[in-house]
Each structure stands twice: as C-alpha cells, then as structure tokens.
Amino acid sequence: QVQLVTSGGGSVQAGGSLRLSCVSTPYTYRTYCMGWFRQAPGKEREGLVEVDSAGITNYADSVKGRFAISKDNAKSILYLEMNGLEPEDTAMYFCAARSPQRYGQPCTMRPGRFAQPDDFGYWGQGTQVTVSA
C-alpha cells in the first residue's frame, strides 16, 4: 500500500525559504518514482521535480536553481527545499508517486514525459505554501 504524508507548508515573505517533507514507505521510497507538484487556484497542476528510483532528478525550469530535493534514506523522506520564494510560488504543494513501468523493476524516467500528473497514481494530502510580497 502506497502512503504519502506531506507536511512543511506555511506562510513566508518573498525571498524566504521553506522545506516540505514527504514521508513514504521504504518500498515506495526505493522503488517508485516520486515527484513534487503544485496547484494554484484556477490553474492546472504543475510538475516541479521528478526523481526516479536511482536518484536521477529533473526540475521544471520555473524552479531550477531555487528548489532542490534532498533525501533521508533511513526514514524514507523526500524533501523539497525551496529558496528564493516568490509570490508566484503560492500554491498547494503535493508529493506523488509513480509505479515502476514493469512489475518488480525499479521506476525510471520516461523520456519526454517530465512530471505528468496523470502518470502519478498516488498522492499525498497537500500542504499550502503562501508567499507574500
């Protein structure tokens, strides 16, 4: 059973930083691809980061250089470190997991399909990030 628990959101001023956490089960953490997404009111869900089971990581251009993932392998936690936050980053943030393409095999990146929400079947509950000017 895949469970994702997301936390760490809050309110900060522009230029500030936050760290979001996504706790999963050890099997999910080791085998699935995981991603961070966000959705602002009236907008589509946007993929920010995708990491495969080997640790290969891709970032959306909108967050590259400001956001980064880090991992606590012992606790199966995936973090999203967010720096230089801007009011445009205000949104609900979600952690999600994507099953491996083949049963029993680790999940790998799909060429040309970066962080597509429809590919991710498991979602955390979301955490709100609000950035004020």
Protein backbone atom coordinates (compact mmCIF):
# COMPACT_ATOMS: atom_id res chain seq x y z
CA GLN A 1 0.00 0.00 0.00
CA VAL A 2 1.39 3.36 -1.02
CA GLN A 3 1.01 6.12 1.53
CA LEU A 4 2.43 9.60 1.25
CA VAL A 5 2.30 12.12 4.08
CA THR A 6 3.17 15.69 3.15
CA SER A 7 3.99 18.48 5.54
CA GLY A 8 6.02 21.65 5.96
CA GLY A 9 3.99 24.32 4.24
CA GLY A 10 3.40 27.76 5.68
CA SER A 11 3.49 31.47 5.05
CA VAL A 12 6.69 33.33 4.26
CA GLN A 13 7.73 36.63 2.79
CA ALA A 14 9.25 36.89 -0.66
CA GLY A 15 12.84 35.74 -0.64
CA GLY A 16 12.21 33.31 2.18
CA SER A 17 12.67 29.58 2.35
CA LEU A 18 10.63 26.54 3.28
CA ARG A 19 11.27 22.82 3.39
CA LEU A 20 8.50 20.40 2.55
CA SER A 21 8.57 16.77 3.62
CA CYS A 22 7.06 13.68 2.04
CA VAL A 23 7.14 10.53 4.12
CA SER A 24 6.53 7.25 2.34
CA THR A 25 7.02 3.57 3.00
CA PRO A 26 10.52 2.13 2.48
CA TYR A 27 9.38 0.08 -0.53
CA THR A 28 7.79 3.07 -2.21
CA TYR A 29 10.80 5.22 -1.49
CA ARG A 30 13.22 2.70 -3.00
CA THR A 31 11.19 1.51 -5.98
CA TYR A 32 8.80 4.21 -7.18
CA CYS A 33 9.43 7.44 -9.00
CA MET A 34 8.45 10.40 -6.89
CA GLY A 35 7.57 13.95 -7.70
CA TRP A 36 6.60 17.29 -6.30
CA PHE A 37 3.73 19.21 -7.83
CA ARG A 38 1.82 22.37 -7.08
CA GLN A 39 -1.53 23.79 -7.96
CA ALA A 40 -2.56 27.40 -7.61
CA PRO A 41 -6.22 28.44 -7.62
CA GLY A 42 -7.62 28.42 -11.13
CA LYS A 43 -4.50 26.82 -12.60
CA GLU A 44 -3.57 23.32 -13.69
CA ARG A 45 -1.41 21.11 -11.54
CA GLU A 46 2.24 21.75 -12.38
CA GLY A 47 5.10 19.28 -12.09
CA LEU A 48 8.13 20.72 -10.33
CA VAL A 49 10.53 17.86 -9.68
CA GLU A 50 10.69 14.21 -10.60
CA VAL A 51 13.18 11.73 -9.17
CA ASP A 52 13.47 8.10 -10.18
CA SER A 53 14.48 5.17 -8.01
CA ALA A 54 18.14 5.62 -8.97
CA GLY A 55 18.08 9.22 -7.80
CA ILE A 56 18.11 10.81 -11.24
CA THR A 57 16.34 14.13 -10.82
CA ASN A 58 14.77 16.59 -13.22
CA TYR A 59 13.45 20.04 -12.39
CA ALA A 60 10.99 22.32 -14.08
CA ASP A 61 12.53 25.49 -15.49
CA SER A 62 10.32 27.56 -13.21
CA VAL A 63 12.09 26.25 -10.10
CA LYS A 64 15.52 25.24 -11.34
CA GLY A 65 18.20 26.86 -9.22
CA ARG A 66 15.75 27.76 -6.44
CA PHE A 67 14.24 24.42 -5.44
CA ALA A 68 16.10 21.21 -4.73
CA ILE A 69 15.27 17.81 -3.36
CA SER A 70 17.09 16.11 -0.56
CA LYS A 71 16.54 12.68 0.91
CA ASP A 72 16.64 10.92 4.25
CA ASN A 73 17.10 7.35 3.13
CA ALA A 74 16.90 5.92 6.64
CA LYS A 75 13.45 7.44 7.19
CA SER A 76 12.12 7.25 3.62
CA ILE A 77 11.61 11.01 3.47
CA LEU A 78 11.83 13.10 0.34
CA TYR A 79 12.29 16.80 0.99
CA LEU A 80 11.68 19.77 -1.25
CA GLU A 81 13.98 22.62 -0.25
CA MET A 82 12.54 25.88 -1.55
CA ASN A 83 14.65 29.02 -1.56
CA GLY A 84 14.12 32.46 -3.04
CA LEU A 85 10.37 32.06 -2.81
CA GLU A 86 8.25 34.45 -4.82
CA PRO A 87 4.56 35.35 -4.57
CA GLU A 88 4.06 33.35 -7.78
CA ASP A 89 5.07 30.22 -5.84
CA THR A 90 1.92 30.45 -3.74
CA ALA A 91 0.02 27.20 -4.23
CA MET A 92 -0.95 23.90 -2.70
CA TYR A 93 2.04 21.58 -2.94
CA PHE A 94 1.74 17.83 -3.38
CA CYS A 95 4.04 14.87 -3.20
CA ALA A 96 3.21 12.00 -5.54
CA ALA A 97 4.50 8.57 -6.51
CA ARG A 98 4.54 6.76 -9.84
CA SER A 99 4.64 2.98 -10.11
CA PRO A 100 7.51 1.30 -11.93
CA GLN A 101 6.90 0.70 -15.61
CA ARG A 102 7.45 -3.03 -15.12
CA TYR A 103 6.43 -5.08 -12.13
CA GLY A 104 9.39 -5.94 -9.94
CA GLN A 105 11.65 -3.43 -11.61
CA PRO A 106 12.59 -0.01 -10.23
CA CYS A 107 10.94 3.05 -11.68
CA THR A 108 12.89 5.01 -14.28
CA MET A 109 12.41 8.32 -16.03
CA ARG A 110 10.25 8.40 -19.13
CA PRO A 111 11.89 10.38 -21.96
CA GLY A 112 9.73 13.31 -22.95
CA ARG A 113 7.28 12.88 -20.07
CA PHE A 114 8.56 15.00 -17.23
CA ALA A 115 6.33 15.01 -14.16
CA GLN A 116 2.99 14.47 -15.88
CA PRO A 117 0.31 14.41 -13.15
CA ASP A 118 -1.71 11.76 -14.97
CA ASP A 119 1.23 9.34 -14.70
CA PHE A 120 1.26 9.51 -10.90
CA GLY A 121 -1.27 7.28 -9.22
CA TYR A 122 -0.55 8.06 -5.59
CA TRP A 123 -0.80 11.46 -3.96
CA GLY A 124 -0.18 12.96 -0.58
CA GLN A 125 -2.74 15.24 1.01
CA GLY A 126 -1.09 18.52 0.00
CA THR A 127 0.37 21.36 2.02
CA GLN A 128 -0.26 25.07 1.46
CA VAL A 129 2.57 27.47 0.69
CA THR A 130 1.81 31.18 0.76
CA VAL A 131 4.39 33.78 -0.21
CA SER A 132 3.68 37.43 0.45
CA ALA A 133 5.32 40.33 -1.33
